[in-house]
N, C-alpha and C. Protein backbone atom coordinates (compact mmCIF):
# COMPACT_ATOMS: atom_id res chain seq x y z
N MET A 1 -67.17 132.53 -60.20
CA MET A 1 -65.97 133.27 -59.88
C MET A 1 -65.90 134.51 -60.78
N ILE A 2 -65.61 135.64 -60.19
CA ILE A 2 -65.48 136.89 -60.95
C ILE A 2 -64.00 137.09 -61.27
N TYR A 3 -63.73 137.34 -62.53
CA TYR A 3 -62.34 137.54 -62.96
C TYR A 3 -62.21 138.93 -63.55
N ASN A 4 -61.27 139.69 -63.05
CA ASN A 4 -61.02 141.03 -63.55
C ASN A 4 -60.06 140.94 -64.73
N LYS A 5 -60.55 141.23 -65.93
CA LYS A 5 -59.72 141.13 -67.13
C LYS A 5 -58.86 142.36 -67.38
N GLU A 6 -58.97 143.34 -66.51
CA GLU A 6 -58.17 144.56 -66.66
C GLU A 6 -56.69 144.21 -66.58
N GLU A 7 -55.91 144.80 -67.47
CA GLU A 7 -54.47 144.52 -67.49
C GLU A 7 -53.72 145.35 -66.45
N TYR A 8 -52.54 144.90 -66.15
CA TYR A 8 -51.67 145.65 -65.25
C TYR A 8 -51.25 146.94 -65.91
N LYS A 9 -51.03 147.97 -65.07
CA LYS A 9 -50.64 149.28 -65.57
C LYS A 9 -49.34 149.72 -64.90
N ILE A 10 -48.48 150.38 -65.67
CA ILE A 10 -47.26 150.97 -65.14
C ILE A 10 -47.59 152.40 -64.73
N LYS A 11 -47.27 152.75 -63.49
CA LYS A 11 -47.49 154.11 -63.01
C LYS A 11 -46.19 154.63 -62.40
N PHE A 12 -45.99 155.92 -62.51
CA PHE A 12 -44.79 156.56 -61.99
C PHE A 12 -45.09 157.24 -60.66
N TYR A 13 -44.18 157.05 -59.70
CA TYR A 13 -44.28 157.79 -58.44
C TYR A 13 -44.25 159.28 -58.77
N CYS A 14 -45.12 160.03 -58.13
CA CYS A 14 -45.18 161.48 -58.32
C CYS A 14 -45.08 162.15 -56.95
N ASN A 15 -44.11 163.03 -56.79
CA ASN A 15 -43.97 163.76 -55.54
C ASN A 15 -45.23 164.59 -55.31
N PRO A 16 -45.90 164.41 -54.17
CA PRO A 16 -47.18 165.09 -53.96
C PRO A 16 -47.06 166.62 -53.87
N ILE A 17 -45.90 167.13 -53.53
CA ILE A 17 -45.72 168.57 -53.39
C ILE A 17 -45.27 169.20 -54.70
N THR A 18 -44.21 168.65 -55.30
CA THR A 18 -43.64 169.25 -56.51
C THR A 18 -44.25 168.72 -57.80
N LYS A 19 -44.96 167.59 -57.71
CA LYS A 19 -45.54 166.89 -58.87
C LYS A 19 -44.46 166.34 -59.82
N PHE A 20 -43.24 166.24 -59.33
CA PHE A 20 -42.11 165.72 -60.11
C PHE A 20 -42.17 164.20 -60.14
N GLU A 21 -41.93 163.61 -61.31
CA GLU A 21 -41.91 162.17 -61.48
C GLU A 21 -40.46 161.75 -61.78
N PRO A 22 -39.71 161.38 -60.75
CA PRO A 22 -38.28 161.12 -60.92
C PRO A 22 -37.94 159.97 -61.86
N VAL A 23 -38.72 158.91 -61.86
CA VAL A 23 -38.41 157.77 -62.73
C VAL A 23 -38.67 158.14 -64.19
N ARG A 24 -39.76 158.82 -64.45
CA ARG A 24 -40.05 159.27 -65.82
C ARG A 24 -38.92 160.19 -66.32
N GLN A 25 -38.46 161.08 -65.43
CA GLN A 25 -37.36 161.99 -65.81
C GLN A 25 -36.07 161.20 -66.08
N TYR A 26 -35.79 160.22 -65.25
CA TYR A 26 -34.60 159.40 -65.44
C TYR A 26 -34.64 158.72 -66.81
N ILE A 27 -35.76 158.13 -67.15
CA ILE A 27 -35.90 157.43 -68.43
C ILE A 27 -35.76 158.42 -69.60
N ASN A 28 -36.37 159.58 -69.45
CA ASN A 28 -36.27 160.59 -70.51
C ASN A 28 -34.84 161.09 -70.72
N ASP A 29 -34.04 161.06 -69.66
CA ASP A 29 -32.68 161.61 -69.73
C ASP A 29 -31.63 160.64 -70.27
N ILE A 30 -31.92 159.35 -70.30
CA ILE A 30 -30.90 158.39 -70.77
C ILE A 30 -30.89 158.36 -72.31
N ASN A 31 -29.82 157.81 -72.86
CA ASN A 31 -29.69 157.79 -74.32
C ASN A 31 -30.78 156.90 -74.95
N ASP A 32 -31.01 157.10 -76.25
CA ASP A 32 -32.12 156.43 -76.93
C ASP A 32 -32.02 154.91 -76.90
N LYS A 33 -30.82 154.38 -77.08
CA LYS A 33 -30.64 152.91 -77.06
C LYS A 33 -31.05 152.34 -75.71
N ASP A 34 -30.57 152.96 -74.64
CA ASP A 34 -30.91 152.50 -73.29
C ASP A 34 -32.40 152.70 -73.01
N LYS A 35 -32.93 153.83 -73.44
CA LYS A 35 -34.34 154.13 -73.22
C LYS A 35 -35.24 153.07 -73.85
N GLN A 36 -34.90 152.65 -75.07
CA GLN A 36 -35.70 151.64 -75.75
C GLN A 36 -35.69 150.31 -74.99
N LYS A 37 -34.51 149.95 -74.48
CA LYS A 37 -34.43 148.69 -73.74
C LYS A 37 -35.17 148.78 -72.41
N VAL A 38 -35.05 149.92 -71.73
CA VAL A 38 -35.78 150.11 -70.47
C VAL A 38 -37.29 150.00 -70.73
N GLN A 39 -37.78 150.65 -71.77
CA GLN A 39 -39.20 150.60 -72.10
C GLN A 39 -39.65 149.17 -72.46
N LYS A 40 -38.79 148.45 -73.14
CA LYS A 40 -39.07 147.05 -73.48
C LYS A 40 -39.20 146.21 -72.20
N TYR A 41 -38.29 146.41 -71.25
CA TYR A 41 -38.34 145.67 -69.99
C TYR A 41 -39.58 146.05 -69.18
N LEU A 42 -39.95 147.32 -69.20
CA LEU A 42 -41.15 147.75 -68.48
C LEU A 42 -42.40 147.09 -69.06
N GLU A 43 -42.46 146.98 -70.37
CA GLU A 43 -43.59 146.31 -71.01
C GLU A 43 -43.59 144.82 -70.65
N PHE A 44 -42.42 144.21 -70.63
CA PHE A 44 -42.27 142.81 -70.23
C PHE A 44 -42.76 142.62 -68.79
N LEU A 45 -42.40 143.56 -67.92
CA LEU A 45 -42.83 143.54 -66.53
C LEU A 45 -44.36 143.64 -66.44
N ARG A 46 -44.94 144.54 -67.21
CA ARG A 46 -46.39 144.72 -67.21
C ARG A 46 -47.11 143.46 -67.68
N LEU A 47 -46.62 142.88 -68.75
CA LEU A 47 -47.24 141.67 -69.30
C LEU A 47 -47.13 140.48 -68.36
N ASN A 48 -46.11 140.51 -67.50
CA ASN A 48 -45.90 139.42 -66.53
C ASN A 48 -46.45 139.76 -65.14
N LYS A 49 -47.38 140.70 -65.12
CA LYS A 49 -48.13 141.03 -63.91
C LYS A 49 -47.25 141.50 -62.75
N GLY A 50 -46.19 142.23 -63.10
CA GLY A 50 -45.36 142.84 -62.07
C GLY A 50 -44.34 141.92 -61.44
N TYR A 51 -44.18 140.73 -61.99
CA TYR A 51 -43.21 139.80 -61.40
C TYR A 51 -42.35 139.16 -62.48
N LEU A 52 -41.06 139.35 -62.35
CA LEU A 52 -40.07 138.71 -63.22
C LEU A 52 -39.02 138.04 -62.34
N ASP A 53 -38.54 136.91 -62.78
CA ASP A 53 -37.45 136.24 -62.07
C ASP A 53 -36.11 136.86 -62.45
N GLU A 54 -35.08 136.45 -61.72
CA GLU A 54 -33.73 136.86 -62.11
C GLU A 54 -33.40 136.27 -63.46
N PRO A 55 -32.69 136.91 -64.30
CA PRO A 55 -31.87 138.10 -64.06
C PRO A 55 -32.61 139.42 -64.30
N TYR A 56 -33.90 139.37 -64.64
CA TYR A 56 -34.63 140.60 -64.98
C TYR A 56 -35.04 141.42 -63.77
N SER A 57 -35.32 140.76 -62.67
CA SER A 57 -35.81 141.42 -61.48
C SER A 57 -35.28 140.70 -60.25
N ARG A 58 -35.24 141.46 -59.15
CA ARG A 58 -34.73 140.88 -57.91
C ARG A 58 -35.45 141.52 -56.74
N HIS A 59 -35.70 140.73 -55.70
CA HIS A 59 -36.32 141.25 -54.48
C HIS A 59 -35.33 142.15 -53.75
N ILE A 60 -35.83 143.29 -53.25
CA ILE A 60 -34.97 144.22 -52.50
C ILE A 60 -35.28 144.13 -51.00
N ILE A 61 -36.48 144.56 -50.63
CA ILE A 61 -36.90 144.53 -49.23
C ILE A 61 -38.43 144.66 -49.19
N GLY A 62 -39.07 143.89 -48.33
CA GLY A 62 -40.52 143.96 -48.23
C GLY A 62 -41.18 143.70 -49.58
N LYS A 63 -42.01 144.63 -50.03
CA LYS A 63 -42.70 144.48 -51.31
C LYS A 63 -41.90 145.07 -52.47
N LEU A 64 -40.75 145.64 -52.18
CA LEU A 64 -39.96 146.31 -53.22
C LEU A 64 -39.12 145.32 -54.02
N ARG A 65 -39.15 145.53 -55.34
CA ARG A 65 -38.33 144.74 -56.27
C ARG A 65 -37.53 145.69 -57.13
N GLU A 66 -36.52 145.15 -57.76
CA GLU A 66 -35.61 145.93 -58.60
C GLU A 66 -35.64 145.37 -60.01
N LEU A 67 -36.05 146.19 -60.98
CA LEU A 67 -35.98 145.82 -62.39
C LEU A 67 -34.54 146.08 -62.83
N ARG A 68 -33.93 145.08 -63.47
CA ARG A 68 -32.51 145.15 -63.80
C ARG A 68 -32.35 145.20 -65.32
N VAL A 69 -31.89 146.34 -65.81
CA VAL A 69 -31.71 146.53 -67.25
C VAL A 69 -30.23 146.81 -67.49
N ASP A 70 -29.53 145.80 -68.02
CA ASP A 70 -28.09 145.91 -68.25
C ASP A 70 -27.82 146.06 -69.74
N ILE A 71 -27.15 147.15 -70.10
CA ILE A 71 -26.81 147.43 -71.49
C ILE A 71 -25.34 147.83 -71.52
N ASP A 72 -24.55 147.03 -72.20
CA ASP A 72 -23.10 147.26 -72.25
C ASP A 72 -22.58 147.42 -70.82
N HIS A 73 -22.08 148.60 -70.48
CA HIS A 73 -21.57 148.83 -69.12
C HIS A 73 -22.49 149.73 -68.32
N ASN A 74 -23.71 149.89 -68.78
CA ASN A 74 -24.72 150.67 -68.05
C ASN A 74 -25.67 149.70 -67.37
N PHE A 75 -25.77 149.83 -66.06
CA PHE A 75 -26.61 148.95 -65.27
C PHE A 75 -27.74 149.79 -64.65
N HIS A 76 -28.84 149.91 -65.39
CA HIS A 76 -29.99 150.69 -64.94
C HIS A 76 -30.82 149.86 -63.98
N ARG A 77 -31.26 150.51 -62.92
CA ARG A 77 -32.11 149.85 -61.94
C ARG A 77 -33.33 150.71 -61.68
N ILE A 78 -34.49 150.06 -61.64
CA ILE A 78 -35.74 150.74 -61.31
C ILE A 78 -36.39 149.96 -60.17
N ILE A 79 -36.57 150.62 -59.04
CA ILE A 79 -37.19 149.98 -57.89
C ILE A 79 -38.69 150.24 -57.97
N TYR A 80 -39.46 149.17 -57.80
CA TYR A 80 -40.91 149.25 -57.98
C TYR A 80 -41.62 148.31 -57.02
N PHE A 81 -42.94 148.43 -56.98
CA PHE A 81 -43.76 147.45 -56.27
C PHE A 81 -45.09 147.33 -57.00
N THR A 82 -45.75 146.21 -56.79
CA THR A 82 -47.06 145.98 -57.39
C THR A 82 -48.10 146.28 -56.32
N HIS A 83 -49.05 147.14 -56.69
CA HIS A 83 -50.04 147.66 -55.76
C HIS A 83 -51.43 147.18 -56.15
N ILE A 84 -52.39 147.48 -55.32
CA ILE A 84 -53.77 147.07 -55.60
C ILE A 84 -54.25 147.62 -56.94
N ASN A 85 -55.28 147.02 -57.46
CA ASN A 85 -55.86 147.39 -58.75
C ASN A 85 -54.88 147.22 -59.90
N LYS A 86 -53.98 146.26 -59.76
CA LYS A 86 -53.05 145.91 -60.84
C LYS A 86 -52.18 147.08 -61.29
N ASN A 87 -51.68 147.83 -60.33
CA ASN A 87 -50.77 148.94 -60.62
C ASN A 87 -49.35 148.57 -60.25
N ILE A 88 -48.44 148.79 -61.18
CA ILE A 88 -47.01 148.62 -60.92
C ILE A 88 -46.45 150.02 -60.76
N ILE A 89 -46.03 150.36 -59.55
CA ILE A 89 -45.58 151.71 -59.25
C ILE A 89 -44.06 151.77 -59.30
N LEU A 90 -43.53 152.62 -60.18
CA LEU A 90 -42.09 152.81 -60.31
C LEU A 90 -41.68 153.92 -59.35
N LEU A 91 -40.87 153.56 -58.35
CA LEU A 91 -40.53 154.48 -57.27
C LEU A 91 -39.24 155.25 -57.50
N HIS A 92 -38.22 154.55 -57.98
CA HIS A 92 -36.89 155.16 -58.03
C HIS A 92 -36.06 154.49 -59.12
N ALA A 93 -35.25 155.28 -59.81
CA ALA A 93 -34.37 154.74 -60.85
C ALA A 93 -32.97 155.33 -60.67
N PHE A 94 -31.98 154.51 -60.99
CA PHE A 94 -30.60 154.97 -60.86
C PHE A 94 -29.69 154.11 -61.72
N LEU A 95 -28.50 154.62 -61.96
CA LEU A 95 -27.48 153.89 -62.68
C LEU A 95 -26.58 153.23 -61.64
N LYS A 96 -26.57 151.92 -61.64
CA LYS A 96 -25.81 151.17 -60.63
C LYS A 96 -24.34 151.14 -61.01
N LYS A 97 -23.48 151.48 -60.05
CA LYS A 97 -22.05 151.55 -60.31
C LYS A 97 -21.24 150.64 -59.38
N THR A 98 -21.93 150.00 -58.45
CA THR A 98 -21.27 149.10 -57.50
C THR A 98 -21.89 147.72 -57.58
N LYS A 99 -21.24 146.75 -56.97
CA LYS A 99 -21.73 145.37 -57.02
C LYS A 99 -23.07 145.23 -56.30
N LYS A 100 -23.17 145.83 -55.12
CA LYS A 100 -24.41 145.76 -54.34
C LYS A 100 -25.22 147.03 -54.56
N THR A 101 -26.53 146.91 -54.43
CA THR A 101 -27.39 148.09 -54.53
C THR A 101 -27.10 148.98 -53.31
N PRO A 102 -26.70 150.23 -53.55
CA PRO A 102 -26.37 151.12 -52.43
C PRO A 102 -27.56 151.34 -51.49
N SER A 103 -27.28 151.40 -50.20
CA SER A 103 -28.32 151.63 -49.20
C SER A 103 -29.07 152.92 -49.47
N ARG A 104 -28.38 153.94 -49.93
CA ARG A 104 -28.99 155.24 -50.21
C ARG A 104 -30.15 155.08 -51.20
N GLU A 105 -29.94 154.27 -52.24
CA GLU A 105 -30.97 154.07 -53.26
C GLU A 105 -32.17 153.32 -52.68
N LYS A 106 -31.90 152.35 -51.84
CA LYS A 106 -32.98 151.59 -51.20
C LYS A 106 -33.80 152.49 -50.28
N ILE A 107 -33.12 153.36 -49.55
CA ILE A 107 -33.80 154.26 -48.60
C ILE A 107 -34.71 155.23 -49.34
N ILE A 108 -34.25 155.78 -50.46
CA ILE A 108 -35.09 156.69 -51.26
C ILE A 108 -36.37 155.97 -51.69
N ALA A 109 -36.22 154.77 -52.24
CA ALA A 109 -37.38 154.00 -52.70
C ALA A 109 -38.31 153.65 -51.54
N LEU A 110 -37.73 153.25 -50.43
CA LEU A 110 -38.54 152.86 -49.26
C LEU A 110 -39.34 154.05 -48.73
N ARG A 111 -38.73 155.23 -48.68
CA ARG A 111 -39.44 156.43 -48.22
C ARG A 111 -40.60 156.76 -49.15
N ARG A 112 -40.38 156.64 -50.45
CA ARG A 112 -41.46 156.91 -51.41
C ARG A 112 -42.58 155.89 -51.27
N TYR A 113 -42.20 154.65 -51.08
CA TYR A 113 -43.18 153.58 -50.87
C TYR A 113 -44.04 153.89 -49.64
N GLN A 114 -43.38 154.20 -48.53
CA GLN A 114 -44.11 154.49 -47.28
C GLN A 114 -45.00 155.71 -47.44
N GLN A 115 -44.53 156.70 -48.18
CA GLN A 115 -45.33 157.90 -48.42
C GLN A 115 -46.61 157.55 -49.17
N LEU A 116 -46.51 156.70 -50.18
CA LEU A 116 -47.69 156.30 -50.94
C LEU A 116 -48.65 155.45 -50.12
N ILE A 117 -48.12 154.54 -49.35
CA ILE A 117 -48.95 153.63 -48.55
C ILE A 117 -49.69 154.40 -47.44
N ASN A 118 -49.04 155.42 -46.89
CA ASN A 118 -49.61 156.16 -45.76
C ASN A 118 -50.52 157.32 -46.18
N GLN A 119 -50.79 157.46 -47.47
CA GLN A 119 -51.66 158.57 -47.91
C GLN A 119 -53.09 158.30 -47.57
């Protein structure tokens, strides 16, 4: 049996036209305390091969999952999926302000996912 010892990698969605990485920008823009916790959760996600149970992660739709980083009254969400070659692709990030994940946020992530899959 051949076993690939390569570790999982975190990758950021990059707009093919503008080269903008929205999730990286989101993380860079939040305060240092929140940024440290988000980075800690991302490392936890990577070490667990792209899959965490609740309360850390939740299934959204299809292959999309939501990383849930709650700090005080800030509820950061990063929608991602695990792709071939052990890549965890971060598609969309937002600050959750409602009980349910807004449809708008899901649609943005789903469009980015479809764009990557159809390349």
